C-alpha atoms as a PDB file:
ATOM      1  CA  MET A   1     171.011 148.994 166.834  1.00  0.00           C
ATOM      2  CA  PHE A   2     169.419 146.172 164.884  1.00  0.00           C
ATOM      3  CA  HIS A   3     171.093 144.980 161.665  1.00  0.00           C
ATOM      4  CA  HIS A   4     169.538 142.592 159.224  1.00  0.00           C
ATOM      5  CA  THR A   5     169.450 141.937 155.515  1.00  0.00           C
ATOM      6  CA  SER A   6     166.207 142.803 153.796  1.00  0.00           C
ATOM      7  CA  THR A   7     164.798 140.317 151.325  1.00  0.00           C
ATOM      8  CA  GLY A   8     161.605 142.212 150.647  1.00  0.00           C
ATOM      9  CA  PRO A   9     160.489 144.174 147.595  1.00  0.00           C
ATOM     10  CA  LEU A  10     162.969 146.979 148.366  1.00  0.00           C
ATOM     11  CA  GLY A  11     165.757 144.752 147.152  1.00  0.00           C
ATOM     12  CA  THR A  12     167.429 141.548 148.042  1.00  0.00           C
ATOM     13  CA  GLY A  13     170.494 141.843 150.201  1.00  0.00           C
ATOM     14  CA  THR A  14     170.060 145.437 151.360  1.00  0.00           C
ATOM     15  CA  LEU A  15     171.390 146.126 154.833  1.00  0.00           C
ATOM     16  CA  CYS A  16     168.919 147.760 157.181  1.00  0.00           C
ATOM     17  CA  ARG A  17     170.089 149.454 160.381  1.00  0.00           C
ATOM     18  CA  CYS A  18     167.202 150.186 162.689  1.00  0.00           C
ATOM     19  CA  ALA A  19     166.424 150.342 166.377  1.00  0.00           C
ATOM     20  CA  ASP A  20     164.547 147.058 166.042  1.00  0.00           C
ATOM     21  CA  ALA A  21     163.154 144.759 163.361  1.00  0.00           C
ATOM     22  CA  GLY A  22     159.711 146.376 163.551  1.00  0.00           C
ATOM     23  CA  SER A  23     160.949 149.839 162.630  1.00  0.00           C
ATOM     24  CA  CYS A  24     162.714 148.465 159.538  1.00  0.00           C
ATOM     25  CA  MET A  25     159.480 146.868 158.426  1.00  0.00           C
ATOM     26  CA  LYS A  26     157.574 150.102 159.084  1.00  0.00           C
ATOM     27  CA  LEU A  27     159.979 152.042 156.875  1.00  0.00           C
ATOM     28  CA  ALA A  28     159.701 149.475 154.089  1.00  0.00           C
ATOM     29  CA  GLU A  29     155.905 149.461 154.352  1.00  0.00           C
ATOM     30  CA  ALA A  30     155.792 153.274 154.368  1.00  0.00           C
ATOM     31  CA  LYS A  31     157.932 153.482 151.232  1.00  0.00           C
ATOM     32  CA  GLU A  32     155.853 150.876 149.401  1.00  0.00           C
ATOM     33  CA  ALA A  33     152.373 152.149 150.400  1.00  0.00           C
ATOM     34  CA  LYS A  34     150.396 153.520 147.475  1.00  0.00           C
ATOM     35  CA  GLU A  35     148.233 155.750 149.651  1.00  0.00           C
ATOM     36  CA  LYS A  36     150.316 156.833 152.616  1.00  0.00           C
ATOM     37  CA  THR A  37     148.943 157.784 156.012  1.00  0.00           C
ATOM     38  CA  ASP A  38     150.277 160.883 157.769  1.00  0.00           C
ATOM     39  CA  ALA A  39     152.518 158.696 159.923  1.00  0.00           C
ATOM     40  CA  GLN A  40     153.933 156.920 156.869  1.00  0.00           C
ATOM     41  CA  LYS A  41     154.560 160.248 155.154  1.00  0.00           C
ATOM     42  CA  ALA A  42     156.429 161.424 158.245  1.00  0.00           C
ATOM     43  CA  ILE A  43     158.536 158.235 158.313  1.00  0.00           C
ATOM     44  CA  VAL A  44     159.500 158.566 154.647  1.00  0.00           C
ATOM     45  CA  ALA A  45     160.249 162.291 155.041  1.00  0.00           C
ATOM     46  CA  ALA A  46     162.455 161.623 158.083  1.00  0.00           C
ATOM     47  CA  ASP A  47     164.330 158.897 156.191  1.00  0.00           C
ATOM     48  CA  GLN A  48     164.935 161.215 153.226  1.00  0.00           C
ATOM     49  CA  GLN A  49     166.031 164.054 155.498  1.00  0.00           C
ATOM     50  CA  GLY A  50     168.502 161.756 157.262  1.00  0.00           C
ATOM     51  CA  ASP A  51     169.890 160.562 153.927  1.00  0.00           C
ATOM     52  CA  ARG A  52     170.400 164.148 152.776  1.00  0.00           C
ATOM     53  CA  LYS A  53     172.144 165.135 156.011  1.00  0.00           C
ATOM     54  CA  THR A  54     174.461 162.143 155.666  1.00  0.00           C
ATOM     55  CA  LEU A  55     175.306 163.079 152.083  1.00  0.00           C
ATOM     56  CA  LYS A  56     176.104 166.662 153.122  1.00  0.00           C
ATOM     57  CA  ALA A  57     178.298 165.486 155.993  1.00  0.00           C
ATOM     58  CA  ASP A  58     180.134 162.996 153.773  1.00  0.00           C
ATOM     59  CA  SER A  59     180.872 165.678 151.180  1.00  0.00           C
ATOM     60  CA  ILE A  60     182.869 167.755 153.696  1.00  0.00           C
ATOM     61  CA  ILE A  61     185.915 165.457 153.575  1.00  0.00           C
ATOM     62  CA  PRO A  62     186.607 165.739 149.800  1.00  0.00           C
ATOM     63  CA  VAL A  63     185.980 169.488 149.898  1.00  0.00           C
ATOM     64  CA  GLY A  64     188.445 169.855 152.767  1.00  0.00           C
ATOM     65  CA  MET A  65     191.029 167.806 150.904  1.00  0.00           C
ATOM     66  CA  ALA A  66     190.585 169.944 147.787  1.00  0.00           C
ATOM     67  CA  VAL A  67     191.146 173.115 149.827  1.00  0.00           C
ATOM     68  CA  ILE A  68     194.308 171.680 151.396  1.00  0.00           C
ATOM     69  CA  TYR A  69     195.711 170.645 148.009  1.00  0.00           C
ATOM     70  CA  LEU A  70     194.916 174.075 146.573  1.00  0.00           C
ATOM     71  CA  LEU A  71     196.734 175.735 149.481  1.00  0.00           C
ATOM     72  CA  LEU A  72     199.740 173.447 148.929  1.00  0.00           C
ATOM     73  CA  MET A  73     199.795 174.331 145.230  1.00  0.00           C
ATOM     74  CA  LEU A  74     199.664 178.047 146.038  1.00  0.00           C
ATOM     75  CA  TYR A  75     202.425 177.658 148.640  1.00  0.00           C
ATOM     76  CA  PHE A  76     204.768 175.885 146.225  1.00  0.00           C
ATOM     77  CA  ARG A  77     203.985 178.404 143.487  1.00  0.00           C
ATOM     78  CA  GLY A  78     204.727 181.240 145.946  1.00  0.00           C
ATOM     79  CA  ILE A  79     208.178 179.888 146.801  1.00  0.00           C
ATOM     80  CA  GLY A  80     209.039 179.375 143.154  1.00  0.00           C
ATOM     81  CA  GLY A  81     207.986 175.784 142.777  1.00  0.00           C
ATOM     82  CA  TYR A  82     209.172 172.555 144.276  1.00  0.00           C
ATOM     83  CA  LYS A  83     212.942 172.470 144.606  1.00  0.00           C
ATOM     84  CA  ALA A  84     215.002 169.386 145.278  1.00  0.00           C
ATOM     85  CA  VAL A  85     217.451 169.789 148.144  1.00  0.00           C
ATOM     86  CA  ARG A  86     220.818 168.075 147.734  1.00  0.00           C
ATOM     87  CA  ILE A  87     222.684 167.039 150.814  1.00  0.00           C
ATOM     88  CA  SER A  88     226.376 166.519 150.275  1.00  0.00           C
ATOM     89  CA  ALA A  89     229.080 165.225 152.581  1.00  0.00           C
ATOM     90  CA  SER A  90     230.980 168.521 152.470  1.00  0.00           C
ATOM     91  CA  ALA A  91     227.911 170.497 153.628  1.00  0.00           C
ATOM     92  CA  GLU A  92     227.484 168.198 156.637  1.00  0.00           C
ATOM     93  CA  SER A  93     231.138 168.454 157.687  1.00  0.00           C
ATOM     94  CA  LYS A  94     230.917 172.271 157.975  1.00  0.00           C
ATOM     95  CA  HIS A  95     228.345 172.063 160.761  1.00  0.00           C
END
């Protein structure tokens, strides 16, 4: 994987992760082209599709956390709410 910082028209300081330097330049050129060739259209479409898949995958974690918290809330509501448990010395001596 090739990592470099782009200083081109796409923005200064943007990190680009590509197989090699040439593929990063091809993506930048494809995005900037006014009249795109079929190959450039395919490159841009693949980049957008990858970005969307990443966004969907990254949204699973917060959704999972929300479900877990909802289940915890329902559990505590089902047992009558959160109850503090007091441990005293006399209760321990009976065991």
